[in-house]
Amino acid sequence: MEFASSHIYISYPDNTNQTQPPGFYRNYPTGPVKNTVSGEHPVAHLYDPVTGSSSTPEDKKLVEASFYDPVEGGGPVYDNWTPAIVVAPKSDSVYDNRSGISLDTGFHGQAVSSPPAPGNISVAGRVYDVAEGSANYYENRKMSDSQTMQHLTNPPPLPPPRHQISNNGHAFLKQQKQEIKGSTNVVLVNLGKLVDMKNVKPQMSVPVYCQNCSAAMSTLSKVQDLHATVWKCEFCNKDNALDYRSNEARLGDDQTYIHVPNPVASEDIDDSLVVFCVDISGSMSVTFEVNRSSNCKSLYMSRLQAVQEAVIQSLNYLFETSPRTRVGLITFNNEVTIYGDGLSTPQTLQDFELIDQNYLKTQGAQAALPHCVLESRDALHRRIHLLQECGATALGPAALISIAMASQKQGSKVIICTDGRANTILGNLEDIKNDKIYHSSKFFYNQLAEYAKTQGVIVSVLTIEGTDCRLPELGQLADKTGGKVNITNPANLYTEFQLILEDDIVATNVTTTFIVDDGLYFKYEDDVSSKNVKQIGNVVKDMEITFEFGIKESNLEKIQKKTALPFQLQIGFRLPDGRCAYRIITQEKPVTNDSAIVKDHINLSVLQVHTAQISARLAMEGRMQDAQKEALAQKELIEEILAGKNDSEQGAIYESWVQSMSPIYDALNCKVQDAATAQPLYEALSTKRDRESVVKSFTDDIANVVYRLKNAKKKMLKKPKFMVAL
């Protein structure tokens, strides 16, 4: 796990606007906060600096306190103002990790001589300028007849202030701690590395889990000997009986377990399957110009000819580098033809056969398993050369059959190459103006992607530039299975095929469980929970995912008292050789409310990857304002950090990142305005219909860039212009 900063940033009560749970996705208008009980403006927050008091004024000490000006339309917030303090009776206070400051939980830290009755609290009156060097510091407050005022006399002189601002005759000191504009509570997980078991030695014992939150016992867990040996969970504080099978001495912060012995012979490990699903509809006859050299005349070839050449080159590549790989071929127009390895008679499905999903899935799963490319290359060459373009585009049925065939081998790949919208009944993307057809087709591709993910099949989708294939819906097949989505020039198809073939699957059936302190929650998730479970499915090398968490407002005071917070990532997965494994990583991070400390230890690449991923995810859900808000806030934070550094390399990476993010906070801005022209700026697109209308308006170019942003990784940031902005 890689955190965006060395410290977890905690905002305090006067800055709790970022702690609202993510279940409320509306951008409410900002303004002065009213007292929800009395309807009045809130009173000034005067933190009581007295940690202990005595009967004599000489024993009382003054320390720095905070003052918040709540007056509507007033000036900025000032800090470090130390007036004469009215001493309150000693009471239980909640202390945070800032030295010398206590928060009075009953009255928001107001300093009074006795507990005030509701409705009798009033804003402080005139305050004499402490920066003038006056000998006495007093405070005039409007009190009820039953309350009295005690003054401290001749306190020690204060040091001269750094800044001084006058507001209506009152002078205060400027706030020195600035709120962080974006979010630094972000974690990046490189799944590709974590599920790689090449240099990892598994443990022989079994993990011990908390009965309440399912966190695993680690070196952070505290073992106690009471009536019986128990260990206290560091996440939910539950006492658990210590399992007799556990070995405390073997516990670590990185634990790996192999649950099932290897059931597959080593010589069968490289026995993978690749299925080429090729469009041969009538539109594939469109030609394009190929410039061989400046001295020769221009040549023209059809889209189908370009695909044929790219597939043949891919077969030759696999023949030389991975001869044990099995290769199958499926084509589609108004019919779907299963060629398999080309050594047997092709099977053609047509008409009503292309409507029944269960029938299509059965035909694919029961198709003969293709032979390895070492045996089938020549036969496939002949089949490919004989292909001709004609007819409609039965892409949906062909994709289903291809995935079902590939499911015979865990870790298989399906490469779909098309130049137009699916226009037959199953998976129709041609008539999306009809809401019933659109929702039915979108649901079909979503379910098909889930099926491929559970079967350990990676699906990649390649389309031809200049065409419209409805990538917002079709791209789900690649996005949910770990595949690639791209729009390419026909002449570059082989290059794209090779990149897909080289991107090996490291693990399948991957599930991540991220557990944090019960005072935290994961942002932009369906529920406000301290445990996040994700069904990842397939993982390829260098695959990275990110998490962002916030603080539950109801647990803010509890979090303030802690000096560090625990984090635990649990990963369950299946290796290519058939073994099932589990990895548990536990870390602890210190807590701070000092934004300067957080900014001085920022990992910009983690922030940039997370911003790209979460903004793109929100965009594909139709939540454009949330996507833009997240992107712009992080952009301001990164700019602020870079402004204090003279790093040309980071500057170049930032420029590339900004250009790549432009579809989120620039090109897609018109989509938000079109869908919400009659709404105030602060109103989000809250209804499902509004969000769907935004996604439906996406072009293939926008969807292509957004899908690639959603799968951003750190190594992409090191490449100049790793994604082309629209």
Foldseek 3Di string as FASTA:
>chain_A
DDFQFQFAAFADPVPCPPQDAQQDPFQDDDFQDADPPPRHGDAWQWADLFQDDDPDLVPGAWDFTFTQDRDGPFDDGAGRFTAWAFADPDDDWFDFPDPRTTARVPRRRHGFHYDDDPPFDHYWDDWDELQVVDQFGHTDGDGDPVGDGDTRHRHPRDDHAPDWDDDPRYIGHHDPFDDALAHRQKDKDQPQVLLFCPPPDADPFDWDADPPPRATDAPVWAWDDDVAIWIADQFERDTGGDDPRDDHVPGHQKHKHFDDPQPFDPVCLLQAEEEEEEEQAQQQQDKDWDDPDPVDDIDIDGLLVLVLVLVLVVLVVCVPPPQNYFYWYWYDAQKIWTCGLLPDDIDIGHDPCLVDLVSLLVCLLPPDHGGGSNPRSVSVNVVSVPRHYHHHGSPLSSLNSRLSNNLVAAQYEYEYEEAAEHPDQALGPPPVVPVVSVVRNLVSLLVSLVVSLQSNYAYEYEYEPPGFHLCLRNVNNHLQNVYAYDYDHSNCSNVVVVVRVPFGWFWFQKKKKKAWRQQKAWHPDVDGGRIDIDRRGIDTRRFMDMTGMHGNPVCSSVVSHDQKIKMKMKMWTAGSSGITMIMMGMDMRTHDNRVVSRLVGGDVLSLLLHLLQVLLVCVSQLFLVVSQSNNVSSLVSVVVSCVPDDDVQVVQLNVLSCQLCCVRNPVLPVLQCVLPVPHPPSGTPPDSVSSVSSSVPDTPVSSNSSSCSSRDGSVCSNDGNSDHHD
